[in-house]
């Protein structure tokens, strides 16, 4: 699993005006990322609006990305939910031969305690597949504490990575300080990518990275080479646009950028809607600054 390092991007799902999946734009987005330094692709994550895709659409998206990628980059597949038995069944019944790992978000809405979270991931680990723990308490309503992640990391070698998106950066540092050597931490927060990588993380699973793959992958590469000043120049240039894309939720912000770049059309499925006119204007102004 050494190849899941650097910048992974959580791909959006482009839609046409009738809200059908726009496979032509998806092809453009994949090629754009591969050509500009992205290290691996994450398929059907939260950013993909996976909750609004039917099973048939998900199958078609997976087949399309696999075909277009053509083994050029490693692939990670999102399979998560708040019914542990159902997630286990999905993992067991999915053909994972084209994927290096499964990214599985912690159970949302139910708000299990730490023992419940441990038992959930233990059940997933017992499928024998490579699983990435995904902690995003801002979306799930419950934090997978550092102690729980470390307990899982020490007991189950196939729980080999965490995508950590807790709002408290000290939690990242606690995991990095105490984790087993073969356990990997990826930032799940774009703005924390650089300090977390410098502290010993392996990079990021990113949203903004798919819009600025060259800049983001260069920043992470510089960080891993300990070229700190150069890495911070890129980080500082991207802070404002990174904050803007999350101002009204994800992925409406990054879809605004990708549409401006001519890679996709700016459509989302309900309950999500495109960014407000005011936010779109701010994003476009920040994009212009980045081009100069």
Protein backbone atom coordinates (compact mmCIF):
# COMPACT_ATOMS: atom_id res chain seq x y z
CA UNK A 1 0.00 0.00 0.00
CA UNK A 2 3.03 2.26 -0.24
CA UNK A 3 1.61 3.89 -3.35
CA UNK A 4 -1.25 5.55 -1.45
CA UNK A 5 0.85 8.55 -0.51
CA UNK A 6 0.96 12.17 -1.63
CA UNK A 7 -2.26 13.64 -3.00
CA UNK A 8 -5.37 11.55 -3.45
CA UNK A 9 -8.40 13.40 -4.75
CA UNK A 10 -12.02 12.71 -3.82
CA UNK A 11 -13.56 13.04 -7.28
CA UNK A 12 -16.84 14.91 -7.78
CA UNK A 13 -19.58 13.36 -9.90
CA UNK A 14 -20.30 15.74 -12.81
CA UNK A 15 -23.95 16.05 -13.87
CA UNK A 16 -25.69 17.23 -17.03
CA UNK A 17 -28.48 19.80 -16.93
CA UNK A 18 -31.04 16.98 -16.61
CA UNK A 19 -28.97 15.72 -13.63
CA UNK A 20 -27.89 12.54 -15.39
CA UNK A 21 -24.23 11.60 -14.82
CA UNK A 22 -21.97 13.48 -17.25
CA UNK A 23 -19.46 10.82 -18.23
CA UNK A 24 -17.66 13.01 -20.77
CA UNK A 25 -16.84 15.56 -18.06
CA UNK A 26 -15.80 12.76 -15.72
CA UNK A 27 -13.29 11.63 -18.35
CA UNK A 28 -11.91 15.18 -18.62
CA UNK A 29 -11.59 15.45 -14.84
CA UNK A 30 -9.73 12.12 -14.54
CA UNK A 31 -7.29 12.98 -17.33
CA UNK A 32 -6.74 16.49 -15.95
CA UNK A 33 -5.76 15.03 -12.57
CA UNK A 34 -3.56 12.29 -13.96
CA UNK A 35 -1.77 14.77 -16.25
CA UNK A 36 -1.13 17.22 -13.41
CA UNK A 37 0.44 15.12 -10.70
CA UNK A 38 -2.38 13.62 -8.60
CA UNK A 39 -1.10 10.42 -6.95
CA UNK A 40 -4.34 8.43 -6.54
CA UNK A 41 -8.09 8.75 -7.10
CA UNK A 42 -10.88 8.25 -4.56
CA UNK A 43 -14.11 7.06 -6.15
CA UNK A 44 -17.62 7.54 -4.66
CA UNK A 45 -16.57 9.45 -1.57
CA UNK A 46 -18.81 12.07 0.05
CA UNK A 47 -17.58 14.66 -2.45
CA UNK A 48 -19.01 12.49 -5.24
CA UNK A 49 -22.55 13.09 -3.90
CA UNK A 50 -22.64 9.31 -3.60
CA UNK A 51 -25.69 9.47 -1.33
CA UNK A 52 -27.72 10.74 -4.31
CA UNK A 53 -26.56 8.09 -6.80
CA UNK A 54 -28.55 4.92 -7.46
CA UNK A 55 -26.84 1.53 -7.28
CA UNK A 56 -26.84 1.34 -11.08
CA UNK A 57 -25.31 4.83 -11.37
CA UNK A 58 -22.62 3.95 -8.84
CA UNK A 59 -21.77 0.80 -10.80
CA UNK A 60 -21.53 2.82 -14.03
CA UNK A 61 -19.36 5.50 -12.41
CA UNK A 62 -17.00 2.85 -11.01
CA UNK A 63 -16.79 1.08 -14.38
CA UNK A 64 -16.15 4.36 -16.22
CA UNK A 65 -13.43 5.60 -13.86
CA UNK A 66 -11.73 2.19 -13.90
CA UNK A 67 -11.76 2.15 -17.69
CA UNK A 68 -10.53 5.73 -18.19
CA UNK A 69 -7.89 5.44 -15.47
CA UNK A 70 -6.61 2.27 -17.19
CA UNK A 71 -4.31 1.38 -14.27
CA UNK A 72 -2.51 4.72 -14.49
CA UNK A 73 -3.15 5.63 -10.84
CA UNK A 74 -4.12 3.61 -7.75
CA UNK A 75 -7.84 3.72 -6.95
CA UNK A 76 -9.70 3.81 -3.62
CA UNK A 77 -13.43 3.07 -3.38
CA UNK A 78 -15.78 4.68 -0.86
CA UNK A 79 -18.07 2.16 0.90
CA UNK A 80 -19.55 3.37 4.18
CA UNK A 81 -22.75 3.73 6.13
CA UNK A 82 -24.38 3.60 9.53
CA UNK A 83 -25.57 -0.03 9.33
CA UNK A 84 -22.46 -2.09 10.08
CA UNK A 85 -23.90 -5.37 8.75
CA UNK A 86 -24.89 -3.69 5.48
CA UNK A 87 -21.43 -2.12 5.01
CA UNK A 88 -19.79 -5.50 5.64
CA UNK A 89 -22.10 -7.10 3.04
CA UNK A 90 -21.32 -4.39 0.48
CA UNK A 91 -17.58 -4.81 0.97
CA UNK A 92 -17.85 -8.59 0.62
CA UNK A 93 -20.07 -8.41 -2.48
CA UNK A 94 -18.14 -5.68 -4.36
CA UNK A 95 -15.49 -6.61 -6.90
CA UNK A 96 -12.48 -4.79 -5.48
CA UNK A 97 -9.91 -6.19 -7.91
CA UNK A 98 -9.27 -2.74 -9.44
CA UNK A 99 -8.99 -1.00 -6.05
CA UNK A 100 -6.12 -0.68 -3.62
CA UNK A 101 -8.36 -0.02 -0.62
CA UNK A 102 -11.84 0.85 0.65
CA UNK A 103 -12.42 4.26 2.27
CA UNK A 104 -15.12 3.82 4.92
CA UNK A 105 -16.61 6.77 6.77
CA UNK A 106 -17.44 6.24 10.43
CA UNK A 107 -21.15 5.61 11.13
CA UNK A 108 -23.12 8.84 10.92
CA UNK A 109 -26.31 9.94 12.71
CA UNK A 110 -26.40 6.95 15.14
CA UNK A 111 -23.60 8.58 17.23
CA UNK A 112 -22.10 5.35 18.64
CA UNK A 113 -19.72 5.63 21.59
CA UNK A 114 -16.01 4.77 21.17
CA UNK A 115 -16.60 1.06 21.80
CA UNK A 116 -19.31 1.05 19.13
CA UNK A 117 -16.94 2.73 16.66
CA UNK A 118 -14.23 0.19 17.52
CA UNK A 119 -16.62 -2.74 16.98
CA UNK A 120 -17.82 -1.23 13.67
CA UNK A 121 -14.31 -1.05 12.22
CA UNK A 122 -13.39 -4.43 13.74
CA UNK A 123 -16.28 -5.95 11.76
CA UNK A 124 -15.04 -4.23 8.59
CA UNK A 125 -11.47 -5.41 9.22
CA UNK A 126 -12.70 -8.99 9.51
CA UNK A 127 -13.68 -8.92 5.80
CA UNK A 128 -9.92 -9.16 5.16
CA UNK A 129 -9.96 -6.17 2.78
CA UNK A 130 -7.68 -3.15 3.07
CA UNK A 131 -9.74 -0.49 4.86
CA UNK A 132 -9.08 3.23 5.38
CA UNK A 133 -10.78 4.64 8.49
CA UNK A 134 -12.45 7.97 7.67
CA UNK A 135 -13.10 10.29 10.60
CA UNK A 136 -15.08 13.43 9.72
CA UNK A 137 -17.02 14.42 12.85
CA UNK A 138 -18.36 17.59 11.23
CA UNK A 139 -20.42 15.35 8.94
CA UNK A 140 -21.00 12.25 11.05
CA UNK A 141 -21.80 13.88 14.40
CA UNK A 142 -19.29 11.73 16.30
CA UNK A 143 -15.50 11.88 16.63
CA UNK A 144 -13.38 8.74 16.32
CA UNK A 145 -10.96 9.64 19.10
CA UNK A 146 -7.22 9.19 18.65
CA UNK A 147 -7.22 6.39 21.24
CA UNK A 148 -9.82 4.43 19.20
CA UNK A 149 -7.94 4.89 15.93
CA UNK A 150 -4.70 3.78 17.60
CA UNK A 151 -6.39 0.75 19.17
CA UNK A 152 -7.68 -0.32 15.75
CA UNK A 153 -4.33 0.39 14.05
CA UNK A 154 -2.46 -1.81 16.54
CA UNK A 155 -4.89 -4.73 16.36
CA UNK A 156 -5.78 -4.93 12.65
CA UNK A 157 -2.97 -4.53 10.08
CA UNK A 158 -5.51 -4.22 7.22
CA UNK A 159 -6.88 -1.07 8.89
CA UNK A 160 -3.70 0.49 7.51
CA UNK A 161 -4.65 4.17 7.19
CA UNK A 162 -6.85 6.91 8.58
CA UNK A 163 -8.24 9.85 6.65
CA UNK A 164 -8.39 12.20 9.61
CA UNK A 165 -10.67 15.24 9.40
CA UNK A 166 -11.22 16.15 13.04
CA UNK A 167 -11.35 19.93 13.54
CA UNK A 168 -8.63 19.69 16.21
CA UNK A 169 -5.16 19.37 14.67
CA UNK A 170 -3.81 18.06 18.00
CA UNK A 171 -5.73 14.84 17.33
CA UNK A 172 -3.70 14.33 14.13
CA UNK A 173 -0.47 14.89 16.06
CA UNK A 174 -1.49 12.43 18.80
CA UNK A 175 -2.06 9.71 16.18
CA UNK A 176 1.21 10.50 14.38
CA UNK A 177 3.14 10.40 17.66
CA UNK A 178 1.79 7.03 18.83
CA UNK A 179 0.85 5.07 15.70
CA UNK A 180 2.47 1.80 14.59
CA UNK A 181 5.18 2.31 11.99
CA UNK A 182 3.17 0.68 9.17
CA UNK A 183 0.03 2.79 9.84
CA UNK A 184 -0.54 5.82 7.65
CA UNK A 185 -2.32 9.10 8.36
CA UNK A 186 -3.68 11.23 5.52
CA UNK A 187 -5.11 14.67 6.16
CA UNK A 188 -8.82 14.82 5.42
CA UNK A 189 -8.77 18.60 5.78
CA UNK A 190 -7.20 20.47 2.86
CA UNK A 191 -5.98 23.37 4.97
CA UNK A 192 -4.18 21.07 7.44
CA UNK A 193 -2.35 19.19 4.66
CA UNK A 194 1.00 20.93 4.93
CA UNK A 195 1.50 20.97 8.74
CA UNK A 196 0.22 17.39 9.01
CA UNK A 197 2.55 16.17 6.24
CA UNK A 198 5.51 17.96 7.86
CA UNK A 199 4.62 16.28 11.17
CA UNK A 200 4.87 12.81 9.59
CA UNK A 201 1.62 12.35 7.68
CA UNK A 202 1.65 10.78 4.22
CA UNK A 203 -0.29 13.53 2.43
CA UNK A 204 -3.97 14.25 1.87
CA UNK A 205 -7.21 12.94 0.45
CA UNK A 206 -8.28 16.25 -0.99
CA UNK A 207 -11.20 18.17 -2.45
CA UNK A 208 -9.37 21.29 -3.69
CA UNK A 209 -6.61 19.07 -5.09
CA UNK A 210 -8.74 18.02 -8.07
CA UNK A 211 -9.09 21.68 -9.08
CA UNK A 212 -5.41 22.55 -8.49
CA UNK A 213 -3.65 19.18 -8.79
CA UNK A 214 -0.31 20.55 -9.96
CA UNK A 215 -0.04 23.07 -7.14
CA UNK A 216 -1.29 20.73 -4.43
CA UNK A 217 0.84 17.74 -5.43
CA UNK A 218 3.91 20.00 -5.72
CA UNK A 219 3.26 21.36 -2.22
CA UNK A 220 3.02 17.87 -0.73
CA UNK A 221 6.12 16.69 -2.60
CA UNK A 222 8.07 19.71 -1.27
CA UNK A 223 6.82 18.98 2.24
CA UNK A 224 7.90 15.35 2.06
CA UNK A 225 11.32 16.54 0.84
CA UNK A 226 11.45 18.97 3.82
CA UNK A 227 11.55 22.01 1.51
CA UNK A 228 9.41 23.88 3.98
CA UNK A 229 9.60 27.50 2.78
CA UNK A 230 8.72 26.61 -0.80
CA UNK A 231 5.86 24.37 0.38
CA UNK A 232 4.43 27.16 2.56
CA UNK A 233 4.46 29.58 -0.39
CA UNK A 234 2.03 27.28 -2.22
CA UNK A 235 0.02 26.60 0.94
CA UNK A 236 -0.42 30.32 1.62
CA UNK A 237 -1.48 31.02 -1.97
CA UNK A 238 -4.27 28.41 -1.72
CA UNK A 239 -5.63 29.15 1.79
CA UNK A 240 -8.30 31.64 0.68
CA UNK A 241 -9.72 29.54 -2.15
CA UNK A 242 -9.67 26.44 0.07
CA UNK A 243 -11.76 28.24 2.69
CA UNK A 244 -14.14 29.59 0.05
CA UNK A 245 -14.96 26.19 -1.47
CA UNK A 246 -16.24 24.93 1.91
CA UNK A 247 -18.13 28.12 2.85
CA UNK A 248 -21.51 26.71 1.76
CA UNK A 249 -20.72 23.01 2.01
CA UNK A 250 -19.03 20.48 -0.24
CA UNK A 251 -18.92 19.97 -3.24
CA UNK A 252 -20.70 23.14 -4.43
CA UNK A 253 -17.53 25.21 -4.06
CA UNK A 254 -15.15 22.94 -5.92
CA UNK A 255 -17.78 22.37 -8.64
CA UNK A 256 -17.80 26.16 -9.17
CA UNK A 257 -14.03 26.10 -9.81
CA UNK A 258 -14.16 23.02 -12.04
CA UNK A 259 -16.98 24.57 -14.09
CA UNK A 260 -14.99 27.81 -14.47
CA UNK A 261 -12.05 25.75 -15.69
CA UNK A 262 -14.31 24.12 -18.31
CA UNK A 263 -13.92 20.63 -16.88
CA UNK A 264 -17.54 20.05 -15.74
CA UNK A 265 -20.95 21.75 -15.72
CA UNK A 266 -22.10 23.34 -12.46
CA UNK A 267 -24.99 21.08 -11.44
CA UNK A 268 -25.66 19.30 -8.13
CA UNK A 269 -28.42 16.97 -6.99
CA UNK A 270 -30.81 17.91 -4.22
CA UNK A 271 -30.60 18.42 -1.33
CA UNK A 272 -27.42 20.17 -2.52
CA UNK A 273 -27.63 23.24 -4.75
CA UNK A 274 -24.96 25.29 -6.55
CA UNK A 275 -23.03 27.92 -4.59
CA UNK A 276 -24.82 31.25 -4.17
CA UNK A 277 -24.06 33.98 -6.69
CA UNK A 278 -22.12 35.91 -4.06
CA UNK A 279 -19.88 32.94 -3.24
CA UNK A 280 -19.38 32.10 -6.91
CA UNK A 281 -18.21 35.67 -7.51
CA UNK A 282 -15.73 35.48 -4.63
CA UNK A 283 -14.39 32.14 -5.93
CA UNK A 284 -13.95 33.55 -9.45
CA UNK A 285 -12.09 36.59 -8.08
CA UNK A 286 -9.76 34.34 -6.07
CA UNK A 287 -9.18 32.14 -9.12
CA UNK A 288 -8.10 35.22 -11.09
CA UNK A 289 -5.59 36.11 -8.36
CA UNK A 290 -4.12 32.62 -8.55
CA UNK A 291 -3.62 32.92 -12.29
CA UNK A 292 -1.39 36.01 -11.87
